C-alpha atoms as a PDB file:
ATOM      1  CA  MET A   1     -21.464   6.710 -13.671  1.00  0.00           C
ATOM      2  CA  ALA A   2     -18.883   6.488 -10.906  1.00  0.00           C
ATOM      3  CA  GLN A   3     -19.950   7.717  -7.494  1.00  0.00           C
ATOM      4  CA  ARG A   4     -17.844  10.535  -6.043  1.00  0.00           C
ATOM      5  CA  TYR A   5     -16.741  10.339  -2.433  1.00  0.00           C
ATOM      6  CA  PRO A   6     -15.474  13.299  -0.395  1.00  0.00           C
ATOM      7  CA  LYS A   7     -11.684  13.533  -0.090  1.00  0.00           C
ATOM      8  CA  GLU A   8     -11.931  13.270   3.703  1.00  0.00           C
ATOM      9  CA  PHE A   9     -13.796   9.964   3.381  1.00  0.00           C
ATOM     10  CA  ARG A  10     -11.222   8.561   0.928  1.00  0.00           C
ATOM     11  CA  ASP A  11      -8.359   9.690   3.185  1.00  0.00           C
ATOM     12  CA  ASP A  12      -9.970   8.036   6.222  1.00  0.00           C
ATOM     13  CA  VAL A  13     -10.507   4.757   4.369  1.00  0.00           C
ATOM     14  CA  VAL A  14      -6.890   4.717   3.143  1.00  0.00           C
ATOM     15  CA  LYS A  15      -5.648   5.475   6.665  1.00  0.00           C
ATOM     16  CA  VAL A  16      -7.601   2.519   8.060  1.00  0.00           C
ATOM     17  CA  ALA A  17      -6.384   0.244   5.263  1.00  0.00           C
ATOM     18  CA  ARG A  18      -2.759   1.186   5.917  1.00  0.00           C
ATOM     19  CA  LEU A  19      -3.074  -0.034   9.509  1.00  0.00           C
ATOM     20  CA  HIS A  20      -3.294  -3.607   8.111  1.00  0.00           C
ATOM     21  CA  GLN A  21      -5.616  -4.708  10.914  1.00  0.00           C
ATOM     22  CA  ALA A  22      -8.106  -6.402   8.600  1.00  0.00           C
ATOM     23  CA  PRO A  23      -8.150  -7.808   5.065  1.00  0.00           C
ATOM     24  CA  MET A  24      -8.586  -5.162   2.361  1.00  0.00           C
ATOM     25  CA  THR A  25     -11.770  -6.824   1.152  1.00  0.00           C
ATOM     26  CA  GLN A  26     -13.266  -6.553   4.651  1.00  0.00           C
ATOM     27  CA  ILE A  27     -12.268  -2.899   4.989  1.00  0.00           C
ATOM     28  CA  ALA A  28     -13.842  -2.130   1.611  1.00  0.00           C
ATOM     29  CA  LYS A  29     -17.027  -3.950   2.596  1.00  0.00           C
ATOM     30  CA  ASP A  30     -17.196  -2.156   5.955  1.00  0.00           C
ATOM     31  CA  PHE A  31     -16.977   1.225   4.210  1.00  0.00           C
ATOM     32  CA  GLY A  32     -19.419   0.264   1.459  1.00  0.00           C
ATOM     33  CA  ILE A  33     -16.972   0.440  -1.446  1.00  0.00           C
ATOM     34  CA  SER A  34     -15.518  -2.171  -3.773  1.00  0.00           C
ATOM     35  CA  ALA A  35     -12.116  -3.698  -3.132  1.00  0.00           C
ATOM     36  CA  ALA A  36     -10.972  -2.387  -6.528  1.00  0.00           C
ATOM     37  CA  THR A  37     -11.905   1.141  -5.461  1.00  0.00           C
ATOM     38  CA  LEU A  38      -9.946   0.749  -2.222  1.00  0.00           C
ATOM     39  CA  TYR A  39      -6.856  -0.514  -4.048  1.00  0.00           C
ATOM     40  CA  GLU A  40      -7.093   2.429  -6.462  1.00  0.00           C
ATOM     41  CA  TRP A  41      -7.361   4.942  -3.615  1.00  0.00           C
ATOM     42  CA  ILE A  42      -4.330   3.382  -1.921  1.00  0.00           C
ATOM     43  CA  ARG A  43      -2.363   3.500  -5.191  1.00  0.00           C
ATOM     44  CA  LYS A  44      -3.201   7.185  -5.674  1.00  0.00           C
ATOM     45  CA  ALA A  45      -2.368   7.991  -2.045  1.00  0.00           C
ATOM     46  CA  ASP A  46       1.002   6.233  -2.407  1.00  0.00           C
ATOM     47  CA  ILE A  47       1.776   8.367  -5.468  1.00  0.00           C
ATOM     48  CA  ASP A  48       0.688  11.557  -3.705  1.00  0.00           C
ATOM     49  CA  ASP A  49       2.824  10.630  -0.680  1.00  0.00           C
ATOM     50  CA  GLY A  50       5.864  10.000  -2.895  1.00  0.00           C
ATOM     51  CA  ALA A  51       6.031   6.308  -2.009  1.00  0.00           C
ATOM     52  CA  ARG A  52       5.355   5.273  -5.607  1.00  0.00           C
ATOM     53  CA  PRO A  53       6.205   6.855  -8.966  1.00  0.00           C
ATOM     54  CA  GLY A  54       3.459   8.496 -10.984  1.00  0.00           C
ATOM     55  CA  ALA A  55       1.597  11.740 -11.564  1.00  0.00           C
ATOM     56  CA  TYR A  56       0.258  13.456  -8.461  1.00  0.00           C
ATOM     57  CA  SER A  57      -3.511  13.914  -8.164  1.00  0.00           C
ATOM     58  CA  ASP A  58      -3.132  17.700  -8.446  1.00  0.00           C
ATOM     59  CA  GLU A  59      -1.195  17.348 -11.706  1.00  0.00           C
ATOM     60  CA  VAL A  60      -3.815  15.039 -13.172  1.00  0.00           C
ATOM     61  CA  ALA A  61      -6.646  17.359 -12.126  1.00  0.00           C
ATOM     62  CA  GLN A  62      -4.894  20.343 -13.704  1.00  0.00           C
ATOM     63  CA  SER A  63      -4.367  18.516 -16.978  1.00  0.00           C
ATOM     64  CA  PHE A  64      -8.113  17.735 -17.151  1.00  0.00           C
ATOM     65  CA  ARG A  65      -8.993  21.378 -16.524  1.00  0.00           C
ATOM     66  CA  ARG A  66      -6.867  22.441 -19.493  1.00  0.00           C
ATOM     67  CA  CYS A  67      -8.846  20.239 -21.910  1.00  0.00           C
END
Protein backbone atom coordinates (compact mmCIF):
# COMPACT_ATOMS: atom_id res chain seq x y z
CA MET A 1 0.00 0.00 0.00
CA ALA A 2 1.26 3.47 -0.86
CA GLN A 3 2.43 5.61 2.03
CA ARG A 4 0.61 8.92 2.45
CA TYR A 5 2.61 12.06 3.08
CA PRO A 6 1.17 15.31 4.46
CA LYS A 7 0.44 17.97 1.84
CA GLU A 8 2.86 20.37 3.54
CA PHE A 9 5.67 17.83 3.19
CA ARG A 10 4.90 17.24 -0.51
CA ASP A 11 4.74 21.00 -1.14
CA ASP A 12 8.10 21.53 0.59
CA VAL A 13 9.77 18.76 -1.42
CA VAL A 14 8.41 20.15 -4.70
CA LYS A 15 9.58 23.65 -3.74
CA VAL A 16 13.11 22.37 -3.11
CA ALA A 17 13.10 20.39 -6.36
CA ARG A 18 12.03 23.44 -8.35
CA LEU A 19 15.11 25.33 -7.16
CA HIS A 20 17.21 22.97 -9.35
CA GLN A 21 20.13 23.08 -6.92
CA ALA A 22 20.64 19.32 -6.87
CA PRO A 23 19.75 16.34 -9.06
CA MET A 24 16.18 15.10 -8.60
CA THR A 25 17.42 11.68 -7.53
CA GLN A 26 19.49 13.28 -4.75
CA ILE A 27 16.57 15.42 -3.57
CA ALA A 28 14.33 12.34 -3.47
CA LYS A 29 16.95 10.40 -1.52
CA ASP A 30 17.47 13.26 0.94
CA PHE A 31 13.73 13.36 1.67
CA GLY A 32 13.39 9.58 1.86
CA ILE A 33 11.13 9.15 -1.17
CA SER A 34 11.61 7.53 -4.56
CA ALA A 35 12.55 9.57 -7.60
CA ALA A 36 9.34 8.38 -9.29
CA THR A 37 7.31 9.77 -6.40
CA LEU A 38 9.10 13.12 -6.67
CA TYR A 39 8.48 13.34 -10.41
CA GLU A 40 4.80 12.53 -9.84
CA TRP A 41 4.46 15.23 -7.17
CA ILE A 42 6.10 17.76 -9.49
CA ARG A 43 3.76 16.75 -12.34
CA LYS A 44 0.70 17.18 -10.11
CA ALA A 45 1.97 20.51 -8.77
CA ASP A 46 2.53 21.75 -12.33
CA ILE A 47 -1.07 20.85 -13.20
CA ASP A 48 -2.40 22.51 -10.05
CA ASP A 49 -0.35 25.63 -10.81
CA GLY A 50 -1.68 25.77 -14.38
CA ALA A 51 1.74 25.21 -15.93
CA ARG A 52 0.64 21.91 -17.48
CA PRO A 53 -2.70 20.66 -18.81
CA GLY A 54 -4.64 18.10 -16.80
CA ALA A 55 -7.21 17.66 -14.06
CA TYR A 56 -6.55 19.59 -10.86
CA SER A 57 -6.03 17.59 -7.65
CA ASP A 58 -9.29 18.96 -6.21
CA GLU A 59 -11.24 17.77 -9.26
CA VAL A 60 -9.73 14.30 -9.05
CA ALA A 61 -10.45 14.07 -5.31
CA GLN A 62 -14.07 15.11 -5.86
CA SER A 63 -14.57 12.52 -8.57
CA PHE A 64 -13.34 9.78 -6.20
CA ARG A 65 -15.72 10.94 -3.48
CA ARG A 66 -18.67 10.57 -5.85
CA CYS A 67 -17.91 6.87 -6.48
